[in-house]
Amino acid sequence: MSASGLETLGGRLLHASAIVGVFVGEFYFALKFLRRLTNALNRGEKAVDQTVRLSGSVQRLLDGWVRAVLEKRRMPVTARVPSLTVFVDASLEGWGGVLVDVATNAIEVLGSRWSRKEKGLHINELEALAFELCVSAVPDKYAGGTVTVVVDNTTVQGVARKGACLRSQTLNDAVVNGLTRLRHMNISLSVRWVKSAGNPADLPSRVPLSAISDKNMADMALAVRQFLTGDMGLVV
């Protein structure tokens, strides 16, 4: 296929994926290949009619991307009150999550410490791993419902909205893994932002769960209520 033909295919796949809800991050290396091709064309390093040879792995990814777009069926959008709100946060010490059943106001606190290897990652990558871990903890009973994930990291918020990140494969894969799980559970997702000072998941990301006192729990419950009733945060 010519360079211009591949560039056109990439543009159409991105446009169609946004419409039907395909997570383009699942095709990370194909997306990266297309980005490099576009840059080469813009710099005049490749002619538009130049034949481009694809590696077997990139060809398989592109074929899979095309199939995913063709097979995807856009689901009807219905206005529903979120059944679960998931607050997510990460620090250099660990990750934390606060799951809130909106109907009952029941709160579950999650969290753990990072491994030595994980502590060497960039904070944005840690935030993405926290996103994946918290989303993976969503109980099966919320399948078919609606989940609102609340983060205080705009990078993770943006990647969750776009469905891909080319700057870091670790960040890309963590967020895409979380999104994929929710998709398999037929969950409608919204992602909101909250200031770090108002994120109840901040504490469990910094201290062991065993160190969280009853007063800490009351403070986290208050932060949850303030967020839910004060309409703080941005929907993306």
Protein backbone atom coordinates (compact mmCIF):
# COMPACT_ATOMS: atom_id res chain seq x y z
CA MET A 1 0.00 0.00 0.00
CA SER A 2 1.20 3.53 -0.71
CA ALA A 3 2.25 5.91 2.06
CA SER A 4 -0.71 8.19 1.36
CA GLY A 5 -3.08 5.20 1.34
CA LEU A 6 -1.85 4.09 4.75
CA GLU A 7 -2.16 7.62 6.10
CA THR A 8 -5.75 7.79 4.84
CA LEU A 9 -6.51 4.38 6.35
CA GLY A 10 -5.13 5.51 9.70
CA GLY A 11 -7.25 8.67 9.68
CA ARG A 12 -10.39 6.72 8.86
CA LEU A 13 -9.69 4.13 11.55
CA LEU A 14 -9.19 6.84 14.18
CA HIS A 15 -12.40 8.61 13.14
CA ALA A 16 -14.44 5.39 13.06
CA SER A 17 -13.01 4.21 16.38
CA ALA A 18 -14.11 7.42 18.07
CA ILE A 19 -17.63 6.97 16.72
CA VAL A 20 -18.20 3.29 17.55
CA GLY A 21 -16.14 3.16 20.75
CA VAL A 22 -13.07 1.11 19.85
CA PHE A 23 -10.15 1.65 22.25
CA VAL A 24 -7.32 2.55 19.89
CA GLY A 25 -4.75 1.88 22.61
CA GLU A 26 -5.29 -1.83 21.98
CA PHE A 27 -3.46 -1.28 18.69
CA TYR A 28 -0.61 0.69 20.23
CA PHE A 29 2.20 -0.30 17.85
CA ALA A 30 0.05 0.12 14.73
CA LEU A 31 -0.94 3.57 15.95
CA LYS A 32 2.70 4.43 16.61
CA PHE A 33 3.68 3.19 13.14
CA LEU A 34 1.01 5.38 11.51
CA ARG A 35 2.11 8.39 13.54
CA ARG A 36 5.72 7.95 12.40
CA LEU A 37 4.57 7.53 8.80
CA THR A 38 2.57 10.76 8.95
CA ASN A 39 5.55 12.61 10.41
CA ALA A 40 7.81 11.25 7.65
CA LEU A 41 5.35 12.43 4.99
CA ASN A 42 5.11 15.87 6.60
CA ARG A 43 8.89 16.18 6.64
CA GLY A 44 9.19 15.08 3.02
CA GLU A 45 11.15 11.95 3.95
CA LYS A 46 8.67 9.74 2.09
CA ALA A 47 6.81 10.32 -1.19
CA VAL A 48 3.03 10.03 -1.06
CA ASP A 49 3.08 7.34 -3.77
CA GLN A 50 5.95 5.39 -2.21
CA THR A 51 5.11 1.77 -1.44
CA VAL A 52 5.39 1.00 2.27
CA ARG A 53 6.23 -2.51 3.39
CA LEU A 54 4.55 -3.56 6.60
CA SER A 55 5.99 -5.98 9.12
CA GLY A 56 3.87 -9.00 9.92
CA SER A 57 3.06 -7.70 13.40
CA VAL A 58 1.90 -4.27 12.17
CA GLN A 59 -0.16 -5.90 9.39
CA ARG A 60 -1.89 -8.14 11.92
CA LEU A 61 -2.61 -5.19 14.21
CA LEU A 62 -4.07 -3.13 11.37
CA ASP A 63 -6.20 -6.08 10.24
CA GLY A 64 -7.40 -6.54 13.82
CA TRP A 65 -8.18 -2.83 14.11
CA VAL A 66 -10.26 -2.91 10.93
CA ARG A 67 -12.16 -5.97 12.17
CA ALA A 68 -12.79 -4.35 15.55
CA VAL A 69 -14.31 -1.28 13.90
CA LEU A 70 -16.47 -3.37 11.55
CA GLU A 71 -17.71 -5.67 14.30
CA LYS A 72 -18.38 -3.01 16.89
CA ARG A 73 -22.00 -2.02 17.33
CA ARG A 74 -22.73 1.32 18.85
CA MET A 75 -24.88 0.85 21.94
CA PRO A 76 -27.81 3.19 22.62
CA VAL A 77 -27.02 5.95 25.10
CA THR A 78 -29.38 6.19 28.02
CA ALA A 79 -29.38 8.70 30.83
CA ARG A 80 -28.74 6.81 34.04
CA VAL A 81 -27.61 7.80 37.49
CA PRO A 82 -24.14 6.26 38.09
CA SER A 83 -24.46 3.16 40.24
CA LEU A 84 -20.85 3.27 41.43
CA THR A 85 -18.33 6.07 41.93
CA VAL A 86 -14.66 5.10 42.08
CA PHE A 87 -12.14 7.60 43.47
CA VAL A 88 -8.57 6.83 42.38
CA ASP A 89 -5.21 8.17 43.53
CA ALA A 90 -1.53 7.26 43.59
CA SER A 91 1.48 8.50 45.48
CA LEU A 92 5.12 7.47 45.31
CA GLU A 93 4.39 5.09 48.18
CA GLY A 94 1.28 3.29 46.96
CA TRP A 95 -2.18 3.43 45.41
CA GLY A 96 -5.59 4.04 46.91
CA GLY A 97 -9.19 3.72 45.90
CA VAL A 98 -12.58 4.54 47.40
CA LEU A 99 -15.61 2.76 45.93
CA VAL A 100 -18.98 4.36 46.66
CA ASP A 101 -22.32 2.73 45.91
CA VAL A 102 -24.38 5.77 44.99
CA ALA A 103 -27.71 4.15 45.88
CA THR A 104 -26.70 3.10 49.41
CA ASN A 105 -23.69 5.39 50.09
CA ALA A 106 -21.77 2.28 51.19
CA ILE A 107 -18.01 2.92 51.03
CA GLU A 108 -15.19 0.44 50.44
CA VAL A 109 -11.56 1.55 50.78
CA LEU A 110 -8.81 -0.12 48.77
CA GLY A 111 -5.06 0.32 48.62
CA SER A 112 -1.61 -1.17 48.80
CA ARG A 113 2.10 -0.28 48.61
CA TRP A 114 4.11 -0.24 45.39
CA SER A 115 6.82 -2.79 44.76
CA ARG A 116 10.42 -1.62 44.51
CA LYS A 117 10.22 -1.86 40.71
CA GLU A 118 6.96 0.09 40.55
CA LYS A 119 8.41 2.86 42.71
CA GLY A 120 10.82 3.59 39.87
CA LEU A 121 7.98 4.55 37.51
CA HIS A 122 6.87 8.10 36.67
CA ILE A 123 4.00 9.38 38.82
CA ASN A 124 1.70 9.51 35.78
CA GLU A 125 2.36 5.81 35.17
CA LEU A 126 1.64 5.09 38.83
CA GLU A 127 -1.65 6.99 38.53
CA ALA A 128 -2.51 4.86 35.50
CA LEU A 129 -1.72 1.65 37.39
CA ALA A 130 -3.94 2.88 40.23
CA PHE A 131 -6.71 3.44 37.67
CA GLU A 132 -6.35 -0.14 36.43
CA LEU A 133 -6.25 -1.62 39.94
CA CYS A 134 -9.31 0.30 41.13
CA VAL A 135 -11.33 -0.48 38.01
CA SER A 136 -10.36 -4.15 38.31
CA ALA A 137 -11.90 -4.10 41.80
CA VAL A 138 -15.36 -3.09 40.51
CA PRO A 139 -17.64 -5.97 41.65
CA ASP A 140 -19.43 -8.06 39.03
CA LYS A 141 -22.81 -6.89 40.35
CA TYR A 142 -22.27 -3.57 38.56
CA ALA A 143 -22.12 -5.25 35.14
CA GLY A 144 -24.49 -3.47 32.79
CA GLY A 145 -24.54 -0.40 35.02
CA THR A 146 -22.71 2.90 35.11
CA VAL A 147 -19.40 3.71 36.75
CA THR A 148 -17.92 7.16 37.35
CA VAL A 149 -14.17 7.14 37.90
CA VAL A 150 -12.81 10.23 39.67
CA VAL A 151 -9.11 11.11 39.31
CA ASP A 152 -6.93 14.07 40.23
CA ASN A 153 -4.46 13.41 37.40
CA THR A 154 -5.29 15.13 34.12
CA THR A 155 -2.98 12.84 32.12
CA VAL A 156 -4.90 9.72 33.12
CA GLN A 157 -8.16 11.58 32.58
CA GLY A 158 -7.09 12.47 29.04
CA VAL A 159 -5.87 8.97 28.19
CA ALA A 160 -9.11 7.45 29.49
CA ARG A 161 -11.02 9.84 27.23
CA LYS A 162 -8.86 9.22 24.14
CA GLY A 163 -8.34 5.52 24.73
CA ALA A 164 -4.61 5.62 24.00
CA CYS A 165 -1.27 7.17 25.00
CA LEU A 166 1.80 7.13 22.75
CA ARG A 167 4.18 8.65 25.29
CA SER A 168 4.29 5.63 27.58
CA GLN A 169 3.31 2.05 26.86
CA THR A 170 3.03 1.37 30.60
CA LEU A 171 0.53 4.21 30.97
CA ASN A 172 -1.30 3.20 27.78
CA ASP A 173 -1.62 -0.47 28.73
CA ALA A 174 -2.76 0.20 32.30
CA VAL A 175 -5.58 2.53 31.26
CA VAL A 176 -6.61 0.38 28.29
CA ASN A 177 -6.72 -2.72 30.52
CA GLY A 178 -9.10 -0.89 32.84
CA LEU A 179 -11.26 0.38 29.98
CA THR A 180 -11.37 -3.07 28.41
CA ARG A 181 -12.59 -4.67 31.63
CA LEU A 182 -15.41 -2.16 31.93
CA ARG A 183 -16.34 -2.73 28.30
CA HIS A 184 -16.49 -6.49 28.85
CA MET A 185 -18.79 -5.82 31.81
CA ASN A 186 -21.00 -3.68 29.55
CA ILE A 187 -20.46 -0.71 31.87
CA SER A 188 -21.06 2.87 30.77
CA LEU A 189 -18.08 4.94 31.93
CA SER A 190 -17.56 8.60 32.71
CA VAL A 191 -14.31 10.06 34.02
CA ARG A 192 -14.25 13.14 36.23
CA TRP A 193 -11.54 15.28 37.76
CA VAL A 194 -11.23 16.42 41.36
CA LYS A 195 -8.65 18.57 43.10
CA SER A 196 -6.05 16.53 44.97
CA ALA A 197 -7.09 18.13 48.26
CA GLY A 198 -10.64 16.85 47.75
CA ASN A 199 -9.77 13.31 46.67
CA PRO A 200 -10.71 10.80 49.42
CA ALA A 201 -8.41 8.21 47.79
CA ASP A 202 -5.35 10.29 48.68
CA LEU A 203 -4.99 8.88 52.21
CA PRO A 204 -5.08 5.15 51.34
CA SER A 205 -2.47 5.84 48.65
CA ARG A 206 -0.08 7.13 51.34
CA VAL A 207 -0.67 4.98 54.41
CA PRO A 208 -1.44 1.27 54.99
CA LEU A 209 -5.14 0.43 55.25
CA SER A 210 -4.50 -0.85 58.79
CA ALA A 211 -3.44 2.68 59.81
CA ILE A 212 -6.70 4.32 58.71
CA SER A 213 -8.72 5.34 61.76
CA ASP A 214 -12.46 5.82 62.24
CA LYS A 215 -11.88 9.58 62.06
CA ASN A 216 -10.05 9.10 58.76
CA MET A 217 -13.04 7.13 57.45
CA ALA A 218 -15.39 9.91 58.54
CA ASP A 219 -13.21 12.48 56.78
CA MET A 220 -13.19 10.41 53.58
CA ALA A 221 -16.97 10.02 53.73
CA LEU A 222 -17.28 13.79 54.09
CA ALA A 223 -15.02 14.33 51.05
CA VAL A 224 -17.21 11.91 49.07
CA ARG A 225 -20.39 13.77 50.03
CA GLN A 226 -18.84 17.14 49.17
CA PHE A 227 -17.86 15.89 45.75
CA LEU A 228 -21.18 14.24 44.96
CA THR A 229 -23.33 17.09 46.23
CA GLY A 230 -21.06 19.99 45.29
CA ASP A 231 -20.77 18.88 41.64
CA MET A 232 -17.01 19.43 41.73
CA GLY A 233 -15.03 17.97 38.85
CA LEU A 234 -15.25 17.91 35.09
CA VAL A 235 -17.02 15.23 33.05
CA VAL A 236 -15.10 14.09 29.96
